């Protein structure tokens, strides 16, 4: 619970730091929604819980083995950096706002935030590999939550079939470094972790990569089509006020999430294969999100 308090405090401070910009005119500020949007839109797909010392968190009904930025989705390169495109109808929100936290008894839970990003993950590179993990789980000795792929596979639409076996994580992490590549979005006054360098990936693949254009959608959702990613990414008010979910579950009534034995698409020996296995994620205490 201490870790959840830390994440919640960091989200509040980060939100304030990002949106305070004395050089930005009021005409440019387009705040039109608040946390009620998340409460209403995500309710059909999971449970809202008033978690002790944290507030409202969302637990998705995504099935056993669910892991954020690993299950049912893939990476595309956009002007903002490597952007997670989810196959879930609710993916436009929890993979681009807020932070994820893992609790062994309940699985992954999402803490809402008001800053949009291409993906809130920490990236690593190791000879021949790229890896990522939800922000807050980036310790060198925290191998349980990392997902790695061969560097040439980073842009595969079926990337879940190419995850490296979890048993190799310790070795890969020991020989890796954190990717510090960033992108500054001047329109929103926020800096994103852009992930692997475009030129480096092109060199590995031996061919150019054409970035996908991001187009703002006017309604909740996201869709990748014909080289464009249409996604709903409104600016969200910092002050949550009196907003709350219509239905809030007691944490004691939440059923524990069963975890499967392997990450989605992993092979027993660590090589790639096409399968529908789900990702295993085990709990640990998160550190503050990397800047």
Protein backbone atom coordinates (compact mmCIF):
# COMPACT_ATOMS: atom_id res chain seq x y z
CA UNK A 1 0.00 0.00 0.00
CA UNK A 2 2.99 2.26 0.57
CA UNK A 3 3.87 1.85 -3.08
CA UNK A 4 0.36 2.87 -4.13
CA UNK A 5 0.57 6.01 -2.00
CA UNK A 6 3.88 6.88 -3.63
CA UNK A 7 2.46 6.46 -7.15
CA UNK A 8 -0.63 8.50 -6.32
CA UNK A 9 1.48 11.34 -4.90
CA UNK A 10 3.78 11.31 -7.91
CA UNK A 11 0.83 11.45 -10.32
CA UNK A 12 -0.52 14.51 -8.57
CA UNK A 13 2.84 16.31 -8.62
CA UNK A 14 3.56 15.34 -12.22
CA UNK A 15 0.16 16.57 -13.35
CA UNK A 16 0.71 19.92 -11.69
CA UNK A 17 4.20 20.28 -13.16
CA UNK A 18 3.05 19.44 -16.65
CA UNK A 19 0.11 21.79 -16.88
CA UNK A 20 1.52 24.88 -15.20
CA UNK A 21 2.86 26.91 -18.10
CA UNK A 22 2.90 30.70 -17.72
CA UNK A 23 3.61 31.14 -21.44
CA UNK A 24 0.47 29.33 -22.53
CA UNK A 25 -2.55 31.54 -23.26
CA UNK A 26 -6.01 30.66 -21.97
CA UNK A 27 -7.20 30.32 -25.56
CA UNK A 28 -4.81 27.40 -26.02
CA UNK A 29 -6.02 25.48 -22.97
CA UNK A 30 -8.62 22.96 -24.03
CA UNK A 31 -9.60 21.22 -20.82
CA UNK A 32 -13.00 19.71 -21.46
CA UNK A 33 -13.24 16.49 -19.46
CA UNK A 34 -12.55 15.19 -15.96
CA UNK A 35 -12.07 11.84 -14.24
CA UNK A 36 -15.79 11.13 -14.55
CA UNK A 37 -15.02 10.24 -18.16
CA UNK A 38 -12.80 7.37 -17.01
CA UNK A 39 -15.26 6.26 -14.33
CA UNK A 40 -18.13 6.03 -16.80
CA UNK A 41 -16.29 4.69 -19.83
CA UNK A 42 -14.35 1.94 -18.03
CA UNK A 43 -17.11 0.67 -15.72
CA UNK A 44 -18.52 -1.83 -18.27
CA UNK A 45 -15.09 -3.43 -18.63
CA UNK A 46 -13.98 -3.85 -15.03
CA UNK A 47 -14.44 -2.95 -11.38
CA UNK A 48 -13.77 0.31 -9.63
CA UNK A 49 -12.44 -0.09 -6.11
CA UNK A 50 -11.81 2.52 -3.43
CA UNK A 51 -8.35 1.27 -2.56
CA UNK A 52 -7.00 2.17 0.91
CA UNK A 53 -4.80 5.29 0.99
CA UNK A 54 -5.04 5.64 -2.79
CA UNK A 55 -8.58 6.36 -3.96
CA UNK A 56 -10.42 4.91 -6.91
CA UNK A 57 -8.52 2.31 -8.94
CA UNK A 58 -9.78 0.20 -11.80
CA UNK A 59 -9.32 -3.56 -12.17
CA UNK A 60 -10.08 -4.74 -15.72
CA UNK A 61 -12.06 -7.86 -16.52
CA UNK A 62 -9.31 -8.93 -18.90
CA UNK A 63 -8.94 -12.55 -17.85
CA UNK A 64 -6.14 -14.53 -16.27
CA UNK A 65 -2.64 -13.59 -17.32
CA UNK A 66 -3.47 -10.03 -18.35
CA UNK A 67 -0.48 -7.72 -18.37
CA UNK A 68 -0.52 -4.03 -19.43
CA UNK A 69 1.54 -3.26 -22.53
CA UNK A 70 1.86 -6.96 -23.27
CA UNK A 71 -1.59 -8.51 -23.73
CA UNK A 72 -3.65 -7.76 -26.85
CA UNK A 73 -1.76 -4.92 -28.47
CA UNK A 74 1.42 -3.86 -30.25
CA UNK A 75 3.82 -0.96 -30.81
CA UNK A 76 3.77 1.55 -33.65
CA UNK A 77 6.15 4.44 -34.20
CA UNK A 78 4.49 7.88 -34.15
CA UNK A 79 5.78 11.43 -33.89
CA UNK A 80 5.65 10.99 -30.09
CA UNK A 81 7.78 7.85 -30.10
CA UNK A 82 6.77 4.21 -29.75
CA UNK A 83 3.05 4.19 -29.04
CA UNK A 84 1.03 1.28 -27.66
CA UNK A 85 -2.00 0.38 -29.78
CA UNK A 86 -4.42 -1.76 -27.81
CA UNK A 87 -6.94 -4.27 -29.14
CA UNK A 88 -9.21 -3.63 -26.15
CA UNK A 89 -12.14 -1.22 -26.68
CA UNK A 90 -11.06 0.55 -23.48
CA UNK A 91 -7.35 0.70 -24.39
CA UNK A 92 -7.38 4.42 -25.32
CA UNK A 93 -7.48 5.32 -21.60
CA UNK A 94 -5.43 3.08 -19.24
CA UNK A 95 -2.46 2.67 -21.62
CA UNK A 96 -2.14 6.41 -22.24
CA UNK A 97 -3.12 8.02 -18.94
CA UNK A 98 -2.24 7.23 -15.33
CA UNK A 99 -0.14 4.36 -14.02
CA UNK A 100 -0.50 0.61 -13.46
CA UNK A 101 0.16 -1.10 -10.14
CA UNK A 102 0.36 -4.81 -9.41
CA UNK A 103 -1.00 -6.40 -6.26
CA UNK A 104 -0.53 -10.20 -5.97
CA UNK A 105 -4.02 -10.72 -4.54
CA UNK A 106 -5.89 -8.80 -7.24
CA UNK A 107 -3.61 -8.56 -10.24
CA UNK A 108 -3.06 -5.35 -12.20
CA UNK A 109 -4.97 -2.23 -11.22
CA UNK A 110 -4.99 1.14 -12.94
CA UNK A 111 -4.63 4.48 -11.15
CA UNK A 112 -6.18 7.30 -13.22
CA UNK A 113 -4.08 10.26 -14.31
CA UNK A 114 -4.72 13.37 -16.37
CA UNK A 115 -1.62 13.46 -18.62
CA UNK A 116 -1.75 11.72 -22.02
CA UNK A 117 1.28 9.84 -23.31
CA UNK A 118 2.12 7.34 -26.08
CA UNK A 119 2.75 4.77 -23.32
CA UNK A 120 3.79 5.14 -19.69
CA UNK A 121 6.60 2.60 -19.69
CA UNK A 122 10.33 2.43 -18.99
CA UNK A 123 12.46 1.14 -21.88
CA UNK A 124 15.71 -0.85 -21.90
CA UNK A 125 18.06 -1.96 -24.63
CA UNK A 126 20.42 -4.92 -24.55
CA UNK A 127 22.50 -6.33 -27.42
CA UNK A 128 19.85 -7.79 -29.72
CA UNK A 129 16.88 -6.92 -27.50
CA UNK A 130 14.44 -4.18 -26.53
CA UNK A 131 12.35 -4.37 -23.38
CA UNK A 132 9.72 -2.37 -21.52
CA UNK A 133 7.85 -2.36 -18.24
CA UNK A 134 5.03 -0.21 -16.77
CA UNK A 135 6.54 2.85 -15.11
CA UNK A 136 7.28 2.19 -11.47
CA UNK A 137 8.64 -1.30 -12.10
CA UNK A 138 12.03 -0.36 -13.50
CA UNK A 139 14.43 -1.66 -10.84
CA UNK A 140 17.37 -3.63 -12.13
CA UNK A 141 16.50 -6.50 -9.77
CA UNK A 142 12.79 -6.42 -10.61
CA UNK A 143 12.77 -8.82 -13.54
CA UNK A 144 9.24 -10.12 -12.97
CA UNK A 145 7.42 -7.45 -14.96
CA UNK A 146 9.74 -6.86 -17.90
CA UNK A 147 8.81 -7.87 -21.45
CA UNK A 148 11.62 -8.37 -23.99
CA UNK A 149 11.66 -9.04 -27.71
CA UNK A 150 14.39 -9.32 -30.32
CA UNK A 151 15.15 -5.80 -31.49
CA UNK A 152 14.07 -6.64 -35.04
CA UNK A 153 10.60 -7.64 -33.78
CA UNK A 154 9.67 -4.41 -31.98
CA UNK A 155 7.24 -3.23 -34.68
CA UNK A 156 5.50 -6.54 -35.37
CA UNK A 157 1.69 -6.29 -35.22
CA UNK A 158 1.68 -9.79 -33.72
CA UNK A 159 4.45 -8.99 -31.25
CA UNK A 160 2.81 -11.12 -28.55
CA UNK A 161 4.04 -14.20 -30.43
CA UNK A 162 7.64 -13.06 -30.10
CA UNK A 163 8.08 -12.32 -26.39
CA UNK A 164 11.31 -13.72 -24.99
CA UNK A 165 10.87 -16.33 -22.27
CA UNK A 166 10.74 -14.79 -18.81
CA UNK A 167 13.57 -17.05 -17.61
CA UNK A 168 15.99 -15.01 -19.75
CA UNK A 169 15.05 -11.67 -18.16
CA UNK A 170 17.72 -11.62 -15.47
CA UNK A 171 20.54 -12.15 -17.97
CA UNK A 172 19.16 -9.62 -20.44
CA UNK A 173 18.60 -6.96 -17.78
CA UNK A 174 22.16 -7.35 -16.42
CA UNK A 175 23.48 -6.53 -19.90
CA UNK A 176 21.05 -3.71 -20.63
CA UNK A 177 20.83 0.05 -20.22
CA UNK A 178 17.84 2.34 -19.79
CA UNK A 179 16.78 4.13 -22.99
CA UNK A 180 16.74 7.88 -22.38
CA UNK A 181 15.34 8.90 -25.76
CA UNK A 182 12.67 11.56 -25.23
CA UNK A 183 10.20 13.63 -27.20
CA UNK A 184 8.97 17.05 -26.07
CA UNK A 185 5.35 17.75 -26.93
CA UNK A 186 5.30 21.54 -26.92
CA UNK A 187 1.57 21.67 -27.56
CA UNK A 188 0.93 20.07 -24.16
CA UNK A 189 4.16 21.00 -22.40
CA UNK A 190 5.05 17.43 -21.53
CA UNK A 191 8.04 15.19 -22.22
CA UNK A 192 7.52 11.56 -23.26
CA UNK A 193 9.86 8.59 -23.10
CA UNK A 194 9.99 7.87 -26.83
CA UNK A 195 11.63 4.44 -26.58
CA UNK A 196 14.07 2.91 -29.11
CA UNK A 197 15.68 5.32 -31.55
CA UNK A 198 14.12 5.24 -35.01
CA UNK A 199 17.46 5.21 -36.83
CA UNK A 200 18.71 2.34 -34.69
CA UNK A 201 15.62 0.24 -35.34
CA UNK A 202 15.85 0.93 -39.07
CA UNK A 203 19.47 -0.20 -39.06
CA UNK A 204 18.56 -3.44 -37.28
CA UNK A 205 15.68 -4.16 -39.65
CA UNK A 206 17.55 -3.07 -42.74
CA UNK A 207 14.69 -0.98 -44.04
CA UNK A 208 13.00 2.36 -43.32
CA UNK A 209 10.15 2.69 -40.86
CA UNK A 210 7.36 5.09 -41.75
CA UNK A 211 5.89 6.71 -38.64
CA UNK A 212 2.16 6.41 -38.12
CA UNK A 213 0.31 9.74 -38.05
CA UNK A 214 -1.71 10.44 -34.89
CA UNK A 215 -5.12 11.97 -35.46
CA UNK A 216 -7.27 13.16 -32.58
CA UNK A 217 -10.56 11.31 -32.29
CA UNK A 218 -13.62 13.13 -30.95
CA UNK A 219 -15.10 10.16 -29.11
CA UNK A 220 -13.55 7.52 -26.80
CA UNK A 221 -11.68 4.81 -28.68
CA UNK A 222 -8.70 4.21 -30.94
CA UNK A 223 -8.26 2.73 -34.40
CA UNK A 224 -5.22 2.06 -36.55
CA UNK A 225 -6.07 2.28 -40.22
CA UNK A 226 -4.15 3.13 -43.41
CA UNK A 227 -1.14 4.63 -41.67
CA UNK A 228 -3.16 6.67 -39.20
CA UNK A 229 -3.85 6.15 -35.52
CA UNK A 230 -7.12 7.80 -34.61
CA UNK A 231 -7.26 8.05 -30.83
CA UNK A 232 -9.23 9.95 -28.22
CA UNK A 233 -6.76 11.90 -26.10
CA UNK A 234 -8.51 14.86 -24.45
CA UNK A 235 -6.86 17.11 -21.91
CA UNK A 236 -8.18 16.15 -18.49
CA UNK A 237 -8.79 18.43 -15.52
CA UNK A 238 -6.31 18.12 -12.66
CA UNK A 239 -8.92 18.57 -9.94
CA UNK A 240 -11.15 15.52 -9.64
CA UNK A 241 -13.67 17.38 -7.48
CA UNK A 242 -16.66 15.31 -6.36
CA UNK A 243 -16.57 12.91 -9.29
CA UNK A 244 -16.81 9.20 -8.56
CA UNK A 245 -17.75 5.88 -10.19
CA UNK A 246 -21.44 5.02 -10.26
CA UNK A 247 -20.62 1.65 -8.69
CA UNK A 248 -17.71 0.95 -6.36
CA UNK A 249 -16.83 -2.59 -5.28
CA UNK A 250 -15.60 -3.44 -1.80
CA UNK A 251 -12.01 -4.60 -2.11
CA UNK A 252 -12.89 -7.68 -0.07
CA UNK A 253 -15.36 -8.74 -2.75
CA UNK A 254 -12.87 -8.57 -5.60
CA UNK A 255 -11.91 -12.02 -6.82
CA UNK A 256 -8.16 -12.69 -7.03
CA UNK A 257 -6.81 -12.77 -10.56
CA UNK A 258 -5.30 -16.12 -11.50
CA UNK A 259 -1.96 -15.81 -13.21
CA UNK A 260 -0.92 -18.10 -16.03
CA UNK A 261 2.48 -19.71 -16.33
CA UNK A 262 3.98 -17.82 -19.27
CA UNK A 263 3.88 -14.50 -21.00
CA UNK A 264 1.65 -14.36 -24.01
CA UNK A 265 3.30 -16.05 -26.97
CA UNK A 266 6.31 -17.43 -25.12
CA UNK A 267 7.94 -20.72 -25.89
CA UNK A 268 9.31 -22.93 -23.17
CA UNK A 269 12.90 -22.57 -24.36
CA UNK A 270 12.67 -18.81 -24.78
CA UNK A 271 12.42 -18.65 -28.58
CA UNK A 272 9.51 -17.20 -30.50
CA UNK A 273 6.38 -19.02 -31.49
CA UNK A 274 2.82 -18.20 -32.40
CA UNK A 275 0.48 -19.12 -29.59
CA UNK A 276 -2.22 -17.64 -27.44
CA UNK A 277 -0.63 -18.15 -24.04
CA UNK A 278 -1.05 -15.27 -21.64
CA UNK A 279 1.51 -13.26 -19.69
CA UNK A 280 2.55 -14.13 -16.16
CA UNK A 281 3.23 -11.24 -13.88
CA UNK A 282 4.23 -11.55 -10.22
CA UNK A 283 4.02 -8.84 -7.62
CA UNK A 284 6.67 -6.52 -6.27
CA UNK A 285 6.73 -3.05 -4.88
CA UNK A 286 7.08 -0.32 -7.52
CA UNK A 287 9.51 2.58 -7.44
CA UNK A 288 8.44 6.10 -8.41
CA UNK A 289 7.83 6.55 -12.15
CA UNK A 290 10.97 7.38 -14.09
CA UNK A 291 11.18 10.87 -15.49
